[in-house]
Amino acid sequence: VNCTVRSSSVVACRVPIFTGIDVGDQFNYSLRLDGETLSNLQDTESLEAVDDPVFNPVSIDYAAGSGEQIIIEGENFLNVLQEDYNITVNGQPCTDLSITDTRIFCTPPDSLDSQAGSTAAVMVQIGDGVPVMIGDINISLNLIVIIVPVVVGGFLILLAILVTVIICCVCGYVRRKSKRVELERLKDKVTHEKEKEDLHQQVE
């Protein structure tokens, strides 16, 4: 089989598809390097056949723009390396995979945010296997995404109105005060002129 060198200490080899075997059957393996064949390296156990992962059909409700992870349920997920899982939604990768033996968590692509009211196919591919559709995501409108901007916008409008009212009240108060000051000055001027006139008459 073909192998890939992943690091200075790791070589990954894809196991061929076997037929006529049962869970628990074991197989010896060997590695050939520079003409030398090494069997069951470093006294490790031989390969053992395990159950394939089983995926439950999914029908997931997803709010557009929420960024929430979806959950795929089933069995035997840990019998496959995480890097061999390829999960897509509408043909685009579902990222940030987290796997337990019965659940897979991943984040749908951002493209779903603009597809409210539609459905998106969930596909699973393991290694070089054939992609299999396991269900759909029902994409709904995220009310929080709508409500929050509306509330914030309404608050800003009310704040703008309140500031305008305060400014108008302040301006009106300043104008009234200016008029009172002007009237006081005019009154003082008239009084002063009258006093001058009375004084002039007394002198005469």
C-alpha atoms as a PDB file:
ATOM      1  CA  VAL A   1       0.000   0.000   0.000  1.00  0.00           C
ATOM      2  CA  ASN A   2       1.050   3.625  -0.422  1.00  0.00           C
ATOM      3  CA  CYS A   3       2.365   5.396   2.649  1.00  0.00           C
ATOM      4  CA  THR A   4       2.884   9.071   3.464  1.00  0.00           C
ATOM      5  CA  VAL A   5       5.659  10.413   5.674  1.00  0.00           C
ATOM      6  CA  ARG A   6       4.003  12.837   8.091  1.00  0.00           C
ATOM      7  CA  SER A   7       6.984  13.627  10.279  1.00  0.00           C
ATOM      8  CA  SER A   8      10.416  12.329  11.197  1.00  0.00           C
ATOM      9  CA  SER A   9       8.741   9.765  13.427  1.00  0.00           C
ATOM     10  CA  VAL A  10       5.359   9.082  11.765  1.00  0.00           C
ATOM     11  CA  VAL A  11       4.523   7.231   8.547  1.00  0.00           C
ATOM     12  CA  ALA A  12       0.819   6.880   7.653  1.00  0.00           C
ATOM     13  CA  CYS A  13      -0.282   3.994   5.441  1.00  0.00           C
ATOM     14  CA  ARG A  14      -3.814   3.496   4.185  1.00  0.00           C
ATOM     15  CA  VAL A  15      -5.125  -0.012   4.769  1.00  0.00           C
ATOM     16  CA  PRO A  16      -6.609  -1.649   1.658  1.00  0.00           C
ATOM     17  CA  ILE A  17     -10.258  -2.681   1.579  1.00  0.00           C
ATOM     18  CA  PHE A  18     -10.629  -6.251   2.836  1.00  0.00           C
ATOM     19  CA  THR A  19     -13.533  -8.579   2.139  1.00  0.00           C
ATOM     20  CA  GLY A  20     -14.678 -11.657   3.984  1.00  0.00           C
ATOM     21  CA  ILE A  21     -13.361 -10.609   7.381  1.00  0.00           C
ATOM     22  CA  ASP A  22     -15.008 -10.257  10.768  1.00  0.00           C
ATOM     23  CA  VAL A  23     -14.615  -7.756  13.573  1.00  0.00           C
ATOM     24  CA  GLY A  24     -11.731  -8.864  15.774  1.00  0.00           C
ATOM     25  CA  ASP A  25      -9.755 -10.535  12.980  1.00  0.00           C
ATOM     26  CA  GLN A  26      -6.071  -9.592  13.148  1.00  0.00           C
ATOM     27  CA  PHE A  27      -3.507  -9.068  10.408  1.00  0.00           C
ATOM     28  CA  ASN A  28       0.248  -8.951  10.481  1.00  0.00           C
ATOM     29  CA  TYR A  29       1.934  -6.106   8.670  1.00  0.00           C
ATOM     30  CA  SER A  30       5.433  -5.269   7.511  1.00  0.00           C
ATOM     31  CA  LEU A  31       7.353  -2.259   6.232  1.00  0.00           C
ATOM     32  CA  ARG A  32       9.935  -2.456   3.491  1.00  0.00           C
ATOM     33  CA  LEU A  33      12.716   0.149   3.607  1.00  0.00           C
ATOM     34  CA  ASP A  34      15.743   0.126   1.305  1.00  0.00           C
ATOM     35  CA  GLY A  35      15.208  -3.531   0.489  1.00  0.00           C
ATOM     36  CA  GLU A  36      14.787  -4.604   4.123  1.00  0.00           C
ATOM     37  CA  THR A  37      11.430  -5.933   5.349  1.00  0.00           C
ATOM     38  CA  LEU A  38      10.420  -5.201   8.948  1.00  0.00           C
ATOM     39  CA  SER A  39       7.434  -7.041  10.405  1.00  0.00           C
ATOM     40  CA  ASN A  40       5.211  -5.843  13.298  1.00  0.00           C
ATOM     41  CA  LEU A  41       7.504  -2.956  14.073  1.00  0.00           C
ATOM     42  CA  GLN A  42       8.734  -2.406  17.634  1.00  0.00           C
ATOM     43  CA  ASP A  43       6.763  -5.407  18.875  1.00  0.00           C
ATOM     44  CA  THR A  44       3.481  -3.561  18.393  1.00  0.00           C
ATOM     45  CA  GLU A  45       0.220  -5.451  18.087  1.00  0.00           C
ATOM     46  CA  SER A  46      -0.950  -6.627  14.712  1.00  0.00           C
ATOM     47  CA  LEU A  47      -3.755  -4.825  12.895  1.00  0.00           C
ATOM     48  CA  GLU A  48      -7.254  -5.658  14.115  1.00  0.00           C
ATOM     49  CA  ALA A  49     -10.509  -5.300  12.209  1.00  0.00           C
ATOM     50  CA  VAL A  50     -13.005  -2.996  13.955  1.00  0.00           C
ATOM     51  CA  ASP A  51     -16.581  -1.900  13.304  1.00  0.00           C
ATOM     52  CA  ASP A  52     -17.099   0.840  10.747  1.00  0.00           C
ATOM     53  CA  PRO A  53     -18.527   4.135  11.969  1.00  0.00           C
ATOM     54  CA  VAL A  54     -22.333   4.278  11.808  1.00  0.00           C
ATOM     55  CA  PHE A  55     -24.066   7.614  11.236  1.00  0.00           C
ATOM     56  CA  ASN A  56     -27.594   8.349  12.392  1.00  0.00           C
ATOM     57  CA  PRO A  57     -29.727  10.273   9.865  1.00  0.00           C
ATOM     58  CA  VAL A  58     -29.627  13.972  10.689  1.00  0.00           C
ATOM     59  CA  SER A  59     -32.154  16.779  10.371  1.00  0.00           C
ATOM     60  CA  ILE A  60     -30.591  19.788  12.061  1.00  0.00           C
ATOM     61  CA  ASP A  61     -32.156  23.182  12.706  1.00  0.00           C
ATOM     62  CA  TYR A  62     -29.552  25.922  12.289  1.00  0.00           C
ATOM     63  CA  ALA A  63     -29.991  29.672  12.772  1.00  0.00           C
ATOM     64  CA  ALA A  64     -28.196  31.629  10.049  1.00  0.00           C
ATOM     65  CA  GLY A  65     -25.369  33.758  11.415  1.00  0.00           C
ATOM     66  CA  SER A  66     -25.327  32.037  14.824  1.00  0.00           C
ATOM     67  CA  GLY A  67     -21.934  30.377  14.316  1.00  0.00           C
ATOM     68  CA  GLU A  68     -23.127  27.419  16.370  1.00  0.00           C
ATOM     69  CA  GLN A  69     -21.708  23.953  15.861  1.00  0.00           C
ATOM     70  CA  ILE A  70     -23.826  21.121  14.526  1.00  0.00           C
ATOM     71  CA  ILE A  71     -23.867  17.668  16.114  1.00  0.00           C
ATOM     72  CA  ILE A  72     -23.739  14.402  14.172  1.00  0.00           C
ATOM     73  CA  GLU A  73     -24.552  11.290  16.200  1.00  0.00           C
ATOM     74  CA  GLY A  74     -23.795   7.623  15.666  1.00  0.00           C
ATOM     75  CA  GLU A  75     -21.388   4.893  16.776  1.00  0.00           C
ATOM     76  CA  ASN A  76     -17.736   3.846  16.484  1.00  0.00           C
ATOM     77  CA  PHE A  77     -16.488   7.271  15.393  1.00  0.00           C
ATOM     78  CA  LEU A  78     -13.168   6.789  17.209  1.00  0.00           C
ATOM     79  CA  ASN A  79     -12.409   3.713  15.100  1.00  0.00           C
ATOM     80  CA  VAL A  80     -11.291   6.182  12.405  1.00  0.00           C
ATOM     81  CA  LEU A  81      -8.630   8.871  12.699  1.00  0.00           C
ATOM     82  CA  GLN A  82     -10.105  12.368  12.926  1.00  0.00           C
ATOM     83  CA  GLU A  83      -8.024  13.504   9.960  1.00  0.00           C
ATOM     84  CA  ASP A  84      -9.696  10.869   7.781  1.00  0.00           C
ATOM     85  CA  TYR A  85     -13.132  12.448   8.252  1.00  0.00           C
ATOM     86  CA  ASN A  86     -14.250  14.882   5.570  1.00  0.00           C
ATOM     87  CA  ILE A  87     -17.606  16.437   6.473  1.00  0.00           C
ATOM     88  CA  THR A  88     -19.142  18.971   4.116  1.00  0.00           C
ATOM     89  CA  VAL A  89     -22.289  21.122   4.133  1.00  0.00           C
ATOM     90  CA  ASN A  90     -23.496  22.115   0.673  1.00  0.00           C
ATOM     91  CA  GLY A  91     -20.123  20.992  -0.649  1.00  0.00           C
ATOM     92  CA  GLN A  92     -18.093  23.179   1.713  1.00  0.00           C
ATOM     93  CA  PRO A  93     -16.047  21.908   4.687  1.00  0.00           C
ATOM     94  CA  CYS A  94     -17.567  21.744   8.145  1.00  0.00           C
ATOM     95  CA  THR A  95     -14.596  22.880  10.239  1.00  0.00           C
ATOM     96  CA  ASP A  96     -13.309  22.717  13.842  1.00  0.00           C
ATOM     97  CA  LEU A  97     -14.039  19.009  14.173  1.00  0.00           C
ATOM     98  CA  SER A  98     -14.306  17.527  17.652  1.00  0.00           C
ATOM     99  CA  ILE A  99     -15.001  13.794  17.909  1.00  0.00           C
ATOM    100  CA  THR A 100     -16.159  11.358  20.571  1.00  0.00           C
ATOM    101  CA  ASP A 101     -17.119   7.753  19.953  1.00  0.00           C
ATOM    102  CA  THR A 102     -20.776   8.692  19.471  1.00  0.00           C
ATOM    103  CA  ARG A 103     -20.720  12.355  18.417  1.00  0.00           C
ATOM    104  CA  ILE A 104     -19.020  14.625  15.902  1.00  0.00           C
ATOM    105  CA  PHE A 105     -19.131  18.403  16.407  1.00  0.00           C
ATOM    106  CA  CYS A 106     -18.246  20.818  13.605  1.00  0.00           C
ATOM    107  CA  THR A 107     -18.872  24.408  12.493  1.00  0.00           C
ATOM    108  CA  PRO A 108     -20.840  24.890   9.245  1.00  0.00           C
ATOM    109  CA  PRO A 109     -19.433  27.223   6.547  1.00  0.00           C
ATOM    110  CA  ASP A 110     -20.229  30.954   6.692  1.00  0.00           C
ATOM    111  CA  SER A 111     -22.031  30.671   3.355  1.00  0.00           C
ATOM    112  CA  LEU A 112     -25.101  29.340   5.223  1.00  0.00           C
ATOM    113  CA  ASP A 113     -25.624  32.791   6.759  1.00  0.00           C
ATOM    114  CA  SER A 114     -27.122  34.048   3.492  1.00  0.00           C
ATOM    115  CA  GLN A 115     -29.304  30.977   2.857  1.00  0.00           C
ATOM    116  CA  ALA A 116     -32.048  31.366   5.469  1.00  0.00           C
ATOM    117  CA  GLY A 117     -35.203  29.472   4.528  1.00  0.00           C
ATOM    118  CA  SER A 118     -33.368  26.757   2.599  1.00  0.00           C
ATOM    119  CA  THR A 119     -31.788  23.375   3.362  1.00  0.00           C
ATOM    120  CA  ALA A 120     -28.195  22.211   3.024  1.00  0.00           C
ATOM    121  CA  ALA A 121     -27.011  18.639   2.456  1.00  0.00           C
ATOM    122  CA  VAL A 122     -24.625  17.096   5.008  1.00  0.00           C
ATOM    123  CA  MET A 123     -22.116  14.714   3.423  1.00  0.00           C
ATOM    124  CA  VAL A 124     -19.554  12.461   5.105  1.00  0.00           C
ATOM    125  CA  GLN A 125     -16.506  10.934   3.457  1.00  0.00           C
ATOM    126  CA  ILE A 126     -14.051   8.677   5.273  1.00  0.00           C
ATOM    127  CA  GLY A 127     -10.597   8.489   3.749  1.00  0.00           C
ATOM    128  CA  ASP A 128     -10.816   7.697   0.046  1.00  0.00           C
ATOM    129  CA  GLY A 129     -14.322   6.292   0.397  1.00  0.00           C
ATOM    130  CA  VAL A 130     -17.418   7.475  -1.436  1.00  0.00           C
ATOM    131  CA  PRO A 131     -19.113  10.562   0.081  1.00  0.00           C
ATOM    132  CA  VAL A 132     -22.441   9.663   1.677  1.00  0.00           C
ATOM    133  CA  MET A 133     -25.316  12.037   2.400  1.00  0.00           C
ATOM    134  CA  ILE A 134     -26.501  11.571   5.984  1.00  0.00           C
ATOM    135  CA  GLY A 135     -29.161  14.304   6.138  1.00  0.00           C
ATOM    136  CA  ASP A 136     -29.968  18.002   5.906  1.00  0.00           C
ATOM    137  CA  ILE A 137     -29.541  21.253   7.790  1.00  0.00           C
ATOM    138  CA  ASN A 138     -32.677  23.401   7.935  1.00  0.00           C
ATOM    139  CA  ILE A 139     -31.462  26.994   7.863  1.00  0.00           C
ATOM    140  CA  SER A 140     -33.711  29.470   9.650  1.00  0.00           C
ATOM    141  CA  LEU A 141     -33.604  33.219  10.087  1.00  0.00           C
ATOM    142  CA  ASN A 142     -31.693  34.200  13.213  1.00  0.00           C
ATOM    143  CA  LEU A 143     -34.054  36.531  15.097  1.00  0.00           C
ATOM    144  CA  ILE A 144     -31.253  37.689  17.386  1.00  0.00           C
ATOM    145  CA  VAL A 145     -29.298  38.961  14.395  1.00  0.00           C
ATOM    146  CA  ILE A 146     -32.366  41.013  13.395  1.00  0.00           C
ATOM    147  CA  ILE A 147     -33.618  42.099  16.818  1.00  0.00           C
ATOM    148  CA  VAL A 148     -30.300  43.298  18.201  1.00  0.00           C
ATOM    149  CA  PRO A 149     -29.614  45.827  15.390  1.00  0.00           C
ATOM    150  CA  VAL A 150     -33.247  47.029  15.583  1.00  0.00           C
ATOM    151  CA  VAL A 151     -33.035  47.526  19.348  1.00  0.00           C
ATOM    152  CA  VAL A 152     -29.655  49.240  19.078  1.00  0.00           C
ATOM    153  CA  GLY A 153     -30.923  51.431  16.218  1.00  0.00           C
ATOM    154  CA  GLY A 154     -34.053  52.358  18.184  1.00  0.00           C
ATOM    155  CA  PHE A 155     -31.965  53.213  21.232  1.00  0.00           C
ATOM    156  CA  LEU A 156     -29.676  55.440  19.158  1.00  0.00           C
ATOM    157  CA  ILE A 157     -32.701  57.231  17.648  1.00  0.00           C
ATOM    158  CA  LEU A 158     -34.196  57.827  21.114  1.00  0.00           C
ATOM    159  CA  LEU A 159     -30.825  59.015  22.345  1.00  0.00           C
ATOM    160  CA  ALA A 160     -30.568  61.433  19.396  1.00  0.00           C
ATOM    161  CA  ILE A 161     -34.084  62.764  20.117  1.00  0.00           C
ATOM    162  CA  LEU A 162     -33.263  63.181  23.814  1.00  0.00           C
ATOM    163  CA  VAL A 163     -30.041  65.037  23.025  1.00  0.00           C
ATOM    164  CA  THR A 164     -31.935  67.284  20.575  1.00  0.00           C
ATOM    165  CA  VAL A 165     -34.589  68.081  23.203  1.00  0.00           C
ATOM    166  CA  ILE A 166     -31.927  68.867  25.798  1.00  0.00           C
ATOM    167  CA  ILE A 167     -30.085  71.137  23.367  1.00  0.00           C
ATOM    168  CA  CYS A 168     -33.335  72.953  22.484  1.00  0.00           C
ATOM    169  CA  CYS A 169     -34.172  73.403  26.186  1.00  0.00           C
ATOM    170  CA  VAL A 170     -30.690  74.722  26.921  1.00  0.00           C
ATOM    171  CA  CYS A 171     -30.819  77.083  23.936  1.00  0.00           C
ATOM    172  CA  GLY A 172     -34.288  78.341  25.011  1.00  0.00           C
ATOM    173  CA  TYR A 173     -33.052  78.877  28.559  1.00  0.00           C
ATOM    174  CA  VAL A 174     -30.008  80.785  27.318  1.00  0.00           C
ATOM    175  CA  ARG A 175     -32.163  82.950  25.058  1.00  0.00           C
ATOM    176  CA  ARG A 176     -34.614  83.741  27.892  1.00  0.00           C
ATOM    177  CA  LYS A 177     -31.782  84.545  30.244  1.00  0.00           C
ATOM    178  CA  SER A 178     -30.185  86.811  27.635  1.00  0.00           C
ATOM    179  CA  LYS A 179     -33.461  88.665  27.202  1.00  0.00           C
ATOM    180  CA  ARG A 180     -33.802  89.134  30.971  1.00  0.00           C
ATOM    181  CA  VAL A 181     -30.269  90.496  31.176  1.00  0.00           C
ATOM    182  CA  GLU A 182     -30.969  92.820  28.258  1.00  0.00           C
ATOM    183  CA  LEU A 183     -34.169  94.053  29.907  1.00  0.00           C
ATOM    184  CA  GLU A 184     -32.336  94.640  33.179  1.00  0.00           C
ATOM    185  CA  ARG A 185     -29.689  96.643  31.390  1.00  0.00           C
ATOM    186  CA  LEU A 186     -32.344  98.679  29.575  1.00  0.00           C
ATOM    187  CA  LYS A 187     -34.153  99.297  32.858  1.00  0.00           C
ATOM    188  CA  ASP A 188     -30.935 100.403  34.521  1.00  0.00           C
ATOM    189  CA  LYS A 189     -30.209 102.712  31.593  1.00  0.00           C
ATOM    190  CA  VAL A 190     -33.669 104.307  31.790  1.00  0.00           C
ATOM    191  CA  THR A 191     -33.318 104.712  35.558  1.00  0.00           C
ATOM    192  CA  HIS A 192     -29.892 106.239  35.144  1.00  0.00           C
ATOM    193  CA  GLU A 193     -31.155 108.662  32.484  1.00  0.00           C
ATOM    194  CA  LYS A 194     -34.095 109.658  34.692  1.00  0.00           C
ATOM    195  CA  GLU A 195     -31.766 110.276  37.626  1.00  0.00           C
ATOM    196  CA  LYS A 196     -29.576 112.471  35.428  1.00  0.00           C
ATOM    197  CA  GLU A 197     -32.601 114.397  34.228  1.00  0.00           C
ATOM    198  CA  ASP A 198     -33.870 114.941  37.807  1.00  0.00           C
ATOM    199  CA  LEU A 199     -30.446 116.085  38.901  1.00  0.00           C
ATOM    200  CA  HIS A 200     -30.233 118.525  35.976  1.00  0.00           C
ATOM    201  CA  GLN A 201     -33.645 119.976  36.882  1.00  0.00           C
ATOM    202  CA  GLN A 202     -32.564 120.482  40.518  1.00  0.00           C
ATOM    203  CA  VAL A 203     -29.439 122.318  39.434  1.00  0.00           C
ATOM    204  CA  GLU A 204     -31.470 124.711  37.299  1.00  0.00           C
END
